């Protein structure tokens, strides 16, 4: 029944997901209303909500524009469900900004297979990744995906290998001028950002631990499903799906090496996961199996959300 609701992409279905995001975002924010007393905090909440909605739209665009999903609303619905797994991410300003810029980069990287405007896409993707790194340094690891895309599509032109470095110096120069204007301690900023921490002992309660375990179990299931079914998918889509798989594993590496460990860091994996889950759901199969998968995800996400309030 639920699968039929999101099987077609209609304004009504899209509006339903947007409303759900607004509702659950509001439910989490009213747990602490101290931010209402500050105009800056109110504007910040509005910006965060706007970026989350934009992230959903960009993820949906990546899937549809590159043929990774059919004309359905599954991608935006699954992205919403993954947000519910870790509600604290709804207040994490730096990660939401960083993830948003990574999605902008991913949009350009995945579309590189068309070989149109490849230099512009490589430069744009690299630029967005380095901007994302200003908000969370280890998101810079996504630059590996840029070089992999160059190898896969346009490795014969040496200028394509130089573009990421030009993008780096562009962002570095702008950041340097910004630092001089606001009096930011660049050395201190870098020392604070370039830190690793491999320990996973940050859970403040069992519900955070449960949400983390459930999410990784679900992610493992769908990644394995993608790897198994990939040979049966259209050959033209193989490279794009591989980019999704690589993106997911880069996101997991970012989680494991980042300091200030929290479940929020898994935000970087939501977009590739939403696309892979959609690809699994859209495989021709018994409707009952689709319903079971969807009901399981909904139940797990709602449990995770309400248990962490």
C-alpha atoms as a PDB file:
ATOM      1  CA  UNK A   1       0.000   0.000   0.000  1.00  0.00           C
ATOM      2  CA  UNK A   2       2.721   2.487   0.984  1.00  0.00           C
ATOM      3  CA  UNK A   3       4.852   1.563  -2.014  1.00  0.00           C
ATOM      4  CA  UNK A   4       2.018   2.588  -4.328  1.00  0.00           C
ATOM      5  CA  UNK A   5       1.860   6.023  -2.680  1.00  0.00           C
ATOM      6  CA  UNK A   6       5.453   6.904  -3.579  1.00  0.00           C
ATOM      7  CA  UNK A   7       5.717   4.915  -6.808  1.00  0.00           C
ATOM      8  CA  UNK A   8       4.861   7.974  -8.893  1.00  0.00           C
ATOM      9  CA  UNK A   9       6.452  11.386  -8.660  1.00  0.00           C
ATOM     10  CA  UNK A  10       3.616  13.868  -8.267  1.00  0.00           C
ATOM     11  CA  UNK A  11       3.372  17.308  -6.640  1.00  0.00           C
ATOM     12  CA  UNK A  12       1.124  15.749  -3.986  1.00  0.00           C
ATOM     13  CA  UNK A  13       3.689  13.094  -3.044  1.00  0.00           C
ATOM     14  CA  UNK A  14       6.509  15.607  -2.975  1.00  0.00           C
ATOM     15  CA  UNK A  15       4.418  17.963  -0.834  1.00  0.00           C
ATOM     16  CA  UNK A  16       3.679  15.104   1.556  1.00  0.00           C
ATOM     17  CA  UNK A  17       7.391  14.454   2.143  1.00  0.00           C
ATOM     18  CA  UNK A  18       8.101  18.167   2.578  1.00  0.00           C
ATOM     19  CA  UNK A  19       5.306  18.386   5.155  1.00  0.00           C
ATOM     20  CA  UNK A  20       6.700  15.340   6.975  1.00  0.00           C
ATOM     21  CA  UNK A  21      10.141  16.949   7.128  1.00  0.00           C
ATOM     22  CA  UNK A  22       8.616  20.163   8.466  1.00  0.00           C
ATOM     23  CA  UNK A  23       6.609  18.267  11.097  1.00  0.00           C
ATOM     24  CA  UNK A  24       9.479  16.157  12.422  1.00  0.00           C
ATOM     25  CA  UNK A  25      11.913  19.080  12.269  1.00  0.00           C
ATOM     26  CA  UNK A  26       9.449  21.059  14.393  1.00  0.00           C
ATOM     27  CA  UNK A  27       8.917  18.176  16.809  1.00  0.00           C
ATOM     28  CA  UNK A  28      12.647  17.996  17.463  1.00  0.00           C
ATOM     29  CA  UNK A  29      13.118  21.756  17.758  1.00  0.00           C
ATOM     30  CA  UNK A  30      10.339  22.226  20.333  1.00  0.00           C
ATOM     31  CA  UNK A  31      12.242  19.997  22.759  1.00  0.00           C
ATOM     32  CA  UNK A  32      14.212  23.124  23.650  1.00  0.00           C
ATOM     33  CA  UNK A  33      12.580  26.461  22.856  1.00  0.00           C
ATOM     34  CA  UNK A  34      15.402  28.674  24.109  1.00  0.00           C
ATOM     35  CA  UNK A  35      16.323  29.502  20.512  1.00  0.00           C
ATOM     36  CA  UNK A  36      13.052  31.430  20.097  1.00  0.00           C
ATOM     37  CA  UNK A  37      14.476  34.245  22.217  1.00  0.00           C
ATOM     38  CA  UNK A  38      17.258  34.951  19.724  1.00  0.00           C
ATOM     39  CA  UNK A  39      16.677  36.409  16.244  1.00  0.00           C
ATOM     40  CA  UNK A  40      19.968  34.909  15.094  1.00  0.00           C
ATOM     41  CA  UNK A  41      18.919  31.431  16.279  1.00  0.00           C
ATOM     42  CA  UNK A  42      15.564  31.719  14.519  1.00  0.00           C
ATOM     43  CA  UNK A  43      17.266  32.664  11.260  1.00  0.00           C
ATOM     44  CA  UNK A  44      19.710  29.788  11.788  1.00  0.00           C
ATOM     45  CA  UNK A  45      16.862  27.274  12.159  1.00  0.00           C
ATOM     46  CA  UNK A  46      15.217  28.562   8.993  1.00  0.00           C
ATOM     47  CA  UNK A  47      18.508  28.274   7.102  1.00  0.00           C
ATOM     48  CA  UNK A  48      19.101  24.721   8.371  1.00  0.00           C
ATOM     49  CA  UNK A  49      15.604  23.662   7.347  1.00  0.00           C
ATOM     50  CA  UNK A  50      16.076  25.246   3.922  1.00  0.00           C
ATOM     51  CA  UNK A  51      19.395  23.441   3.433  1.00  0.00           C
ATOM     52  CA  UNK A  52      17.845  20.108   4.425  1.00  0.00           C
ATOM     53  CA  UNK A  53      15.009  20.584   1.930  1.00  0.00           C
ATOM     54  CA  UNK A  54      17.535  21.627  -0.716  1.00  0.00           C
ATOM     55  CA  UNK A  55      19.614  18.519   0.066  1.00  0.00           C
ATOM     56  CA  UNK A  56      16.567  16.337  -0.489  1.00  0.00           C
ATOM     57  CA  UNK A  57      15.903  18.042  -3.835  1.00  0.00           C
ATOM     58  CA  UNK A  58      19.517  17.711  -5.000  1.00  0.00           C
ATOM     59  CA  UNK A  59      19.631  14.015  -4.061  1.00  0.00           C
ATOM     60  CA  UNK A  60      16.396  13.450  -5.973  1.00  0.00           C
ATOM     61  CA  UNK A  61      17.834  15.372  -8.935  1.00  0.00           C
ATOM     62  CA  UNK A  62      21.004  13.250  -8.950  1.00  0.00           C
ATOM     63  CA  UNK A  63      18.976  10.043  -9.012  1.00  0.00           C
ATOM     64  CA  UNK A  64      16.492  11.049 -11.702  1.00  0.00           C
ATOM     65  CA  UNK A  65      18.770  13.065 -13.968  1.00  0.00           C
ATOM     66  CA  UNK A  66      21.293  10.228 -14.207  1.00  0.00           C
ATOM     67  CA  UNK A  67      18.775   7.393 -14.568  1.00  0.00           C
ATOM     68  CA  UNK A  68      19.508   5.919 -11.135  1.00  0.00           C
ATOM     69  CA  UNK A  69      15.818   5.928 -10.252  1.00  0.00           C
ATOM     70  CA  UNK A  70      12.505   5.878 -12.045  1.00  0.00           C
ATOM     71  CA  UNK A  71       9.853   8.563 -11.921  1.00  0.00           C
ATOM     72  CA  UNK A  72       9.063   8.030  -8.236  1.00  0.00           C
ATOM     73  CA  UNK A  73       9.300   9.814  -4.880  1.00  0.00           C
ATOM     74  CA  UNK A  74      11.237   7.042  -3.170  1.00  0.00           C
ATOM     75  CA  UNK A  75      14.545   8.919  -3.001  1.00  0.00           C
ATOM     76  CA  UNK A  76      13.185  11.920  -1.132  1.00  0.00           C
ATOM     77  CA  UNK A  77      11.158   9.656   1.154  1.00  0.00           C
ATOM     78  CA  UNK A  78      14.156   7.486   2.067  1.00  0.00           C
ATOM     79  CA  UNK A  79      16.348  10.541   2.657  1.00  0.00           C
ATOM     80  CA  UNK A  80      13.677  11.774   5.071  1.00  0.00           C
ATOM     81  CA  UNK A  81      13.603   8.411   6.868  1.00  0.00           C
ATOM     82  CA  UNK A  82      17.379   8.413   7.301  1.00  0.00           C
ATOM     83  CA  UNK A  83      17.193  11.872   8.860  1.00  0.00           C
ATOM     84  CA  UNK A  84      14.880  10.413  11.488  1.00  0.00           C
ATOM     85  CA  UNK A  85      17.509   7.862  12.522  1.00  0.00           C
ATOM     86  CA  UNK A  86      19.709  10.587  13.987  1.00  0.00           C
ATOM     87  CA  UNK A  87      17.529  13.602  14.919  1.00  0.00           C
ATOM     88  CA  UNK A  88      20.425  15.465  16.545  1.00  0.00           C
ATOM     89  CA  UNK A  89      21.758  16.142  13.046  1.00  0.00           C
ATOM     90  CA  UNK A  90      18.892  18.621  12.658  1.00  0.00           C
ATOM     91  CA  UNK A  91      20.845  20.997  14.903  1.00  0.00           C
ATOM     92  CA  UNK A  92      24.319  20.337  13.521  1.00  0.00           C
ATOM     93  CA  UNK A  93      25.066  23.491  11.545  1.00  0.00           C
ATOM     94  CA  UNK A  94      28.530  22.585  10.240  1.00  0.00           C
ATOM     95  CA  UNK A  95      27.590  19.102   9.076  1.00  0.00           C
ATOM     96  CA  UNK A  96      24.431  20.259   7.305  1.00  0.00           C
ATOM     97  CA  UNK A  97      26.410  22.934   5.437  1.00  0.00           C
ATOM     98  CA  UNK A  98      29.218  20.519   4.600  1.00  0.00           C
ATOM     99  CA  UNK A  99      26.825  17.800   3.420  1.00  0.00           C
ATOM    100  CA  UNK A 100      24.952  20.304   1.259  1.00  0.00           C
ATOM    101  CA  UNK A 101      28.127  21.321  -0.569  1.00  0.00           C
ATOM    102  CA  UNK A 102      29.157  17.675  -0.970  1.00  0.00           C
ATOM    103  CA  UNK A 103      25.807  17.016  -2.668  1.00  0.00           C
ATOM    104  CA  UNK A 104      26.467  19.893  -5.059  1.00  0.00           C
ATOM    105  CA  UNK A 105      29.803  18.261  -5.854  1.00  0.00           C
ATOM    106  CA  UNK A 106      28.261  14.814  -6.219  1.00  0.00           C
ATOM    107  CA  UNK A 107      25.735  16.186  -8.692  1.00  0.00           C
ATOM    108  CA  UNK A 108      28.577  17.289 -10.958  1.00  0.00           C
ATOM    109  CA  UNK A 109      30.665  14.159 -10.465  1.00  0.00           C
ATOM    110  CA  UNK A 110      27.879  11.726 -11.357  1.00  0.00           C
ATOM    111  CA  UNK A 111      26.931  13.684 -14.476  1.00  0.00           C
ATOM    112  CA  UNK A 112      30.529  13.538 -15.734  1.00  0.00           C
ATOM    113  CA  UNK A 113      29.682  10.349 -17.644  1.00  0.00           C
ATOM    114  CA  UNK A 114      27.940  12.461 -20.313  1.00  0.00           C
ATOM    115  CA  UNK A 115      31.362  13.955 -21.231  1.00  0.00           C
ATOM    116  CA  UNK A 116      29.683  17.349 -21.707  1.00  0.00           C
ATOM    117  CA  UNK A 117      31.418  20.339 -20.092  1.00  0.00           C
ATOM    118  CA  UNK A 118      33.719  17.911 -18.286  1.00  0.00           C
ATOM    119  CA  UNK A 119      36.256  20.564 -17.260  1.00  0.00           C
ATOM    120  CA  UNK A 120      33.583  22.783 -15.727  1.00  0.00           C
ATOM    121  CA  UNK A 121      32.148  19.800 -13.848  1.00  0.00           C
ATOM    122  CA  UNK A 122      35.535  18.725 -12.473  1.00  0.00           C
ATOM    123  CA  UNK A 123      36.339  22.252 -11.330  1.00  0.00           C
ATOM    124  CA  UNK A 124      32.883  22.800  -9.794  1.00  0.00           C
ATOM    125  CA  UNK A 125      32.911  19.458  -7.980  1.00  0.00           C
ATOM    126  CA  UNK A 126      36.391  20.083  -6.577  1.00  0.00           C
ATOM    127  CA  UNK A 127      35.473  23.620  -5.553  1.00  0.00           C
ATOM    128  CA  UNK A 128      32.373  22.488  -3.637  1.00  0.00           C
ATOM    129  CA  UNK A 129      34.320  19.733  -1.890  1.00  0.00           C
ATOM    130  CA  UNK A 130      36.971  22.166  -0.657  1.00  0.00           C
ATOM    131  CA  UNK A 131      34.241  24.564   0.493  1.00  0.00           C
ATOM    132  CA  UNK A 132      32.590  21.657   2.345  1.00  0.00           C
ATOM    133  CA  UNK A 133      35.933  20.928   4.032  1.00  0.00           C
ATOM    134  CA  UNK A 134      35.831  24.394   5.640  1.00  0.00           C
ATOM    135  CA  UNK A 135      32.795  23.245   7.620  1.00  0.00           C
ATOM    136  CA  UNK A 136      33.964  19.686   8.275  1.00  0.00           C
ATOM    137  CA  UNK A 137      37.544  19.053   7.251  1.00  0.00           C
ATOM    138  CA  UNK A 138      37.392  15.330   6.553  1.00  0.00           C
ATOM    139  CA  UNK A 139      34.705  15.778   3.901  1.00  0.00           C
ATOM    140  CA  UNK A 140      37.751  16.637   1.788  1.00  0.00           C
ATOM    141  CA  UNK A 141      38.112  12.870   1.261  1.00  0.00           C
ATOM    142  CA  UNK A 142      35.398  13.128  -1.399  1.00  0.00           C
ATOM    143  CA  UNK A 143      38.082  14.614  -3.651  1.00  0.00           C
ATOM    144  CA  UNK A 144      39.142  10.989  -4.169  1.00  0.00           C
ATOM    145  CA  UNK A 145      35.855  10.480  -6.023  1.00  0.00           C
ATOM    146  CA  UNK A 146      36.727  13.365  -8.354  1.00  0.00           C
ATOM    147  CA  UNK A 147      40.005  11.726  -9.349  1.00  0.00           C
ATOM    148  CA  UNK A 148      38.272   8.366  -9.771  1.00  0.00           C
ATOM    149  CA  UNK A 149      35.753  10.031 -12.077  1.00  0.00           C
ATOM    150  CA  UNK A 150      38.604  11.583 -14.062  1.00  0.00           C
ATOM    151  CA  UNK A 151      40.208   8.148 -14.457  1.00  0.00           C
ATOM    152  CA  UNK A 152      36.896   6.628 -15.537  1.00  0.00           C
ATOM    153  CA  UNK A 153      35.880   9.284 -18.061  1.00  0.00           C
ATOM    154  CA  UNK A 154      38.436  11.933 -19.070  1.00  0.00           C
ATOM    155  CA  UNK A 155      41.902  10.772 -18.038  1.00  0.00           C
ATOM    156  CA  UNK A 156      43.390  11.406 -21.504  1.00  0.00           C
ATOM    157  CA  UNK A 157      43.434  15.202 -21.067  1.00  0.00           C
ATOM    158  CA  UNK A 158      46.159  16.282 -18.617  1.00  0.00           C
ATOM    159  CA  UNK A 159      44.335  19.565 -17.915  1.00  0.00           C
ATOM    160  CA  UNK A 160      41.581  17.659 -16.130  1.00  0.00           C
ATOM    161  CA  UNK A 161      44.118  16.484 -13.524  1.00  0.00           C
ATOM    162  CA  UNK A 162      45.164  20.065 -12.786  1.00  0.00           C
ATOM    163  CA  UNK A 163      41.665  21.475 -12.247  1.00  0.00           C
ATOM    164  CA  UNK A 164      41.171  20.112  -8.678  1.00  0.00           C
ATOM    165  CA  UNK A 165      44.392  21.845  -7.616  1.00  0.00           C
ATOM    166  CA  UNK A 166      43.223  25.119  -9.180  1.00  0.00           C
ATOM    167  CA  UNK A 167      39.957  24.753  -7.271  1.00  0.00           C
ATOM    168  CA  UNK A 168      41.929  24.158  -4.060  1.00  0.00           C
ATOM    169  CA  UNK A 169      43.997  27.323  -4.477  1.00  0.00           C
ATOM    170  CA  UNK A 170      40.848  29.280  -5.352  1.00  0.00           C
ATOM    171  CA  UNK A 171      39.122  28.262  -2.114  1.00  0.00           C
ATOM    172  CA  UNK A 172      42.339  28.667  -0.103  1.00  0.00           C
ATOM    173  CA  UNK A 173      42.856  32.204  -1.435  1.00  0.00           C
ATOM    174  CA  UNK A 174      39.288  33.278  -0.674  1.00  0.00           C
ATOM    175  CA  UNK A 175      39.496  31.727   2.795  1.00  0.00           C
ATOM    176  CA  UNK A 176      42.794  33.511   3.428  1.00  0.00           C
ATOM    177  CA  UNK A 177      41.280  36.903   2.585  1.00  0.00           C
ATOM    178  CA  UNK A 178      38.251  36.110   4.756  1.00  0.00           C
ATOM    179  CA  UNK A 179      40.550  35.171   7.650  1.00  0.00           C
ATOM    180  CA  UNK A 180      42.467  38.410   7.356  1.00  0.00           C
ATOM    181  CA  UNK A 181      39.242  40.451   7.361  1.00  0.00           C
ATOM    182  CA  UNK A 182      37.670  38.779  10.410  1.00  0.00           C
ATOM    183  CA  UNK A 183      40.964  38.159  12.228  1.00  0.00           C
ATOM    184  CA  UNK A 184      40.691  34.369  12.196  1.00  0.00           C
ATOM    185  CA  UNK A 185      43.673  32.384  13.472  1.00  0.00           C
ATOM    186  CA  UNK A 186      44.337  30.229  10.406  1.00  0.00           C
ATOM    187  CA  UNK A 187      46.969  28.023  12.067  1.00  0.00           C
ATOM    188  CA  UNK A 188      44.683  27.397  15.027  1.00  0.00           C
ATOM    189  CA  UNK A 189      41.763  26.655  12.701  1.00  0.00           C
ATOM    190  CA  UNK A 190      43.813  24.109  10.744  1.00  0.00           C
ATOM    191  CA  UNK A 191      45.209  22.469  13.882  1.00  0.00           C
ATOM    192  CA  UNK A 192      41.716  22.155  15.296  1.00  0.00           C
ATOM    193  CA  UNK A 193      40.258  20.768  12.048  1.00  0.00           C
ATOM    194  CA  UNK A 194      42.948  18.309  10.944  1.00  0.00           C
ATOM    195  CA  UNK A 195      42.453  15.881  13.813  1.00  0.00           C
ATOM    196  CA  UNK A 196      41.511  12.208  13.797  1.00  0.00           C
ATOM    197  CA  UNK A 197      39.786  10.028  16.356  1.00  0.00           C
ATOM    198  CA  UNK A 198      39.149   6.333  15.744  1.00  0.00           C
ATOM    199  CA  UNK A 199      37.417   5.600  19.049  1.00  0.00           C
ATOM    200  CA  UNK A 200      33.696   4.839  19.098  1.00  0.00           C
ATOM    201  CA  UNK A 201      32.704   5.425  22.682  1.00  0.00           C
ATOM    202  CA  UNK A 202      30.631   8.562  22.362  1.00  0.00           C
ATOM    203  CA  UNK A 203      27.160   7.077  22.957  1.00  0.00           C
ATOM    204  CA  UNK A 204      25.389   8.930  25.752  1.00  0.00           C
ATOM    205  CA  UNK A 205      22.553   6.382  25.918  1.00  0.00           C
ATOM    206  CA  UNK A 206      21.561   2.962  24.606  1.00  0.00           C
ATOM    207  CA  UNK A 207      19.097   4.448  22.112  1.00  0.00           C
ATOM    208  CA  UNK A 208      21.891   6.208  20.224  1.00  0.00           C
ATOM    209  CA  UNK A 209      23.762   2.915  20.148  1.00  0.00           C
ATOM    210  CA  UNK A 210      20.645   1.119  18.887  1.00  0.00           C
ATOM    211  CA  UNK A 211      20.010   3.694  16.138  1.00  0.00           C
ATOM    212  CA  UNK A 212      23.647   3.433  15.024  1.00  0.00           C
ATOM    213  CA  UNK A 213      23.534  -0.376  14.948  1.00  0.00           C
ATOM    214  CA  UNK A 214      20.217  -0.516  13.100  1.00  0.00           C
ATOM    215  CA  UNK A 215      21.344   2.015  10.501  1.00  0.00           C
ATOM    216  CA  UNK A 216      24.619   0.223   9.772  1.00  0.00           C
ATOM    217  CA  UNK A 217      22.802  -3.120   9.500  1.00  0.00           C
ATOM    218  CA  UNK A 218      20.323  -1.654   7.022  1.00  0.00           C
ATOM    219  CA  UNK A 219      23.118   0.065   5.102  1.00  0.00           C
ATOM    220  CA  UNK A 220      25.119  -3.156   4.879  1.00  0.00           C
ATOM    221  CA  UNK A 221      22.078  -4.999   3.520  1.00  0.00           C
ATOM    222  CA  UNK A 222      21.435  -2.496   0.721  1.00  0.00           C
ATOM    223  CA  UNK A 223      25.097  -2.074  -0.213  1.00  0.00           C
ATOM    224  CA  UNK A 224      25.416  -5.859  -0.596  1.00  0.00           C
ATOM    225  CA  UNK A 225      22.169  -5.874  -2.575  1.00  0.00           C
ATOM    226  CA  UNK A 226      23.573  -3.213  -4.899  1.00  0.00           C
ATOM    227  CA  UNK A 227      26.824  -5.117  -5.387  1.00  0.00           C
ATOM    228  CA  UNK A 228      24.940  -8.342  -6.183  1.00  0.00           C
ATOM    229  CA  UNK A 229      22.434  -6.786  -8.584  1.00  0.00           C
ATOM    230  CA  UNK A 230      24.853  -4.378 -10.292  1.00  0.00           C
ATOM    231  CA  UNK A 231      25.819  -6.799 -13.119  1.00  0.00           C
ATOM    232  CA  UNK A 232      22.129  -7.131 -14.029  1.00  0.00           C
ATOM    233  CA  UNK A 233      21.581  -3.391 -14.350  1.00  0.00           C
ATOM    234  CA  UNK A 234      22.028  -1.467 -17.632  1.00  0.00           C
ATOM    235  CA  UNK A 235      25.696  -1.173 -18.499  1.00  0.00           C
ATOM    236  CA  UNK A 236      25.399   2.584 -18.990  1.00  0.00           C
ATOM    237  CA  UNK A 237      24.456   2.963 -15.316  1.00  0.00           C
ATOM    238  CA  UNK A 238      27.261   0.881 -13.837  1.00  0.00           C
ATOM    239  CA  UNK A 239      29.693   3.786 -13.405  1.00  0.00           C
ATOM    240  CA  UNK A 240      27.060   5.985 -11.757  1.00  0.00           C
ATOM    241  CA  UNK A 241      26.035   3.267  -9.293  1.00  0.00           C
ATOM    242  CA  UNK A 242      29.688   2.585  -8.512  1.00  0.00           C
ATOM    243  CA  UNK A 243      30.071   6.260  -7.635  1.00  0.00           C
ATOM    244  CA  UNK A 244      27.190   5.874  -5.179  1.00  0.00           C
ATOM    245  CA  UNK A 245      28.861   2.857  -3.574  1.00  0.00           C
ATOM    246  CA  UNK A 246      32.213   4.657  -3.336  1.00  0.00           C
ATOM    247  CA  UNK A 247      30.465   7.742  -1.910  1.00  0.00           C
ATOM    248  CA  UNK A 248      28.902   5.616   0.799  1.00  0.00           C
ATOM    249  CA  UNK A 249      32.236   4.088   1.820  1.00  0.00           C
ATOM    250  CA  UNK A 250      33.940   7.502   1.813  1.00  0.00           C
ATOM    251  CA  UNK A 251      31.157   8.697   4.139  1.00  0.00           C
ATOM    252  CA  UNK A 252      31.806   5.747   6.452  1.00  0.00           C
ATOM    253  CA  UNK A 253      35.549   6.481   6.480  1.00  0.00           C
ATOM    254  CA  UNK A 254      34.774  10.117   7.357  1.00  0.00           C
ATOM    255  CA  UNK A 255      32.660   8.877  10.247  1.00  0.00           C
ATOM    256  CA  UNK A 256      35.389   6.613  11.627  1.00  0.00           C
ATOM    257  CA  UNK A 257      38.272   9.102  11.416  1.00  0.00           C
ATOM    258  CA  UNK A 258      36.500  12.324  12.422  1.00  0.00           C
ATOM    259  CA  UNK A 259      36.974  13.876  15.857  1.00  0.00           C
ATOM    260  CA  UNK A 260      33.984  14.918  17.976  1.00  0.00           C
ATOM    261  CA  UNK A 261      32.390  11.612  17.069  1.00  0.00           C
ATOM    262  CA  UNK A 262      28.613  11.429  16.824  1.00  0.00           C
ATOM    263  CA  UNK A 263      25.951   9.664  14.797  1.00  0.00           C
ATOM    264  CA  UNK A 264      25.419  12.961  12.961  1.00  0.00           C
ATOM    265  CA  UNK A 265      28.527  12.241  10.876  1.00  0.00           C
ATOM    266  CA  UNK A 266      26.592   9.565   9.014  1.00  0.00           C
ATOM    267  CA  UNK A 267      24.707  12.389   7.271  1.00  0.00           C
ATOM    268  CA  UNK A 268      27.229  12.152   4.418  1.00  0.00           C
ATOM    269  CA  UNK A 269      25.969   8.633   3.672  1.00  0.00           C
ATOM    270  CA  UNK A 270      22.259   9.521   3.424  1.00  0.00           C
ATOM    271  CA  UNK A 271      22.227  10.533  -0.264  1.00  0.00           C
ATOM    272  CA  UNK A 272      23.992   7.442  -1.683  1.00  0.00           C
ATOM    273  CA  UNK A 273      21.968   5.260   0.671  1.00  0.00           C
ATOM    274  CA  UNK A 274      18.659   6.817  -0.443  1.00  0.00           C
ATOM    275  CA  UNK A 275      19.576   6.180  -4.073  1.00  0.00           C
ATOM    276  CA  UNK A 276      20.683   2.581  -3.428  1.00  0.00           C
ATOM    277  CA  UNK A 277      17.562   1.755  -1.402  1.00  0.00           C
ATOM    278  CA  UNK A 278      15.430   3.219  -4.191  1.00  0.00           C
ATOM    279  CA  UNK A 279      17.271   1.091  -6.741  1.00  0.00           C
ATOM    280  CA  UNK A 280      16.528  -1.978  -4.601  1.00  0.00           C
ATOM    281  CA  UNK A 281      12.830  -1.139  -4.211  1.00  0.00           C
ATOM    282  CA  UNK A 282      12.404  -0.506  -7.938  1.00  0.00           C
ATOM    283  CA  UNK A 283      13.752  -3.916  -8.927  1.00  0.00           C
ATOM    284  CA  UNK A 284      10.873  -6.060 -10.282  1.00  0.00           C
ATOM    285  CA  UNK A 285       9.863  -8.231  -7.324  1.00  0.00           C
ATOM    286  CA  UNK A 286       6.898  -9.322  -5.250  1.00  0.00           C
ATOM    287  CA  UNK A 287       4.957  -6.364  -3.924  1.00  0.00           C
ATOM    288  CA  UNK A 288       4.914  -7.997  -0.495  1.00  0.00           C
ATOM    289  CA  UNK A 289       8.702  -7.881  -0.330  1.00  0.00           C
ATOM    290  CA  UNK A 290       8.655  -4.192  -1.237  1.00  0.00           C
ATOM    291  CA  UNK A 291       6.099  -3.503   1.484  1.00  0.00           C
ATOM    292  CA  UNK A 292       8.145  -5.418   4.068  1.00  0.00           C
ATOM    293  CA  UNK A 293      11.285  -3.427   3.231  1.00  0.00           C
ATOM    294  CA  UNK A 294       9.422  -0.135   3.406  1.00  0.00           C
ATOM    295  CA  UNK A 295       7.566  -0.951   6.626  1.00  0.00           C
ATOM    296  CA  UNK A 296      10.827  -2.085   8.247  1.00  0.00           C
ATOM    297  CA  UNK A 297      12.564   1.174   7.348  1.00  0.00           C
ATOM    298  CA  UNK A 298       9.644   3.280   8.573  1.00  0.00           C
ATOM    299  CA  UNK A 299       9.411   1.362  11.859  1.00  0.00           C
ATOM    300  CA  UNK A 300      13.157   1.577  12.504  1.00  0.00           C
ATOM    301  CA  UNK A 301      13.335   5.275  11.695  1.00  0.00           C
ATOM    302  CA  UNK A 302      10.350   6.184  13.884  1.00  0.00           C
ATOM    303  CA  UNK A 303      11.712   4.098  16.762  1.00  0.00           C
ATOM    304  CA  UNK A 304      15.110   5.764  16.448  1.00  0.00           C
ATOM    305  CA  UNK A 305      13.626   9.246  16.284  1.00  0.00           C
ATOM    306  CA  UNK A 306      11.243   9.045  19.239  1.00  0.00           C
ATOM    307  CA  UNK A 307      13.660   7.093  21.434  1.00  0.00           C
ATOM    308  CA  UNK A 308      16.237   9.890  21.143  1.00  0.00           C
ATOM    309  CA  UNK A 309      13.962  12.826  21.885  1.00  0.00           C
END
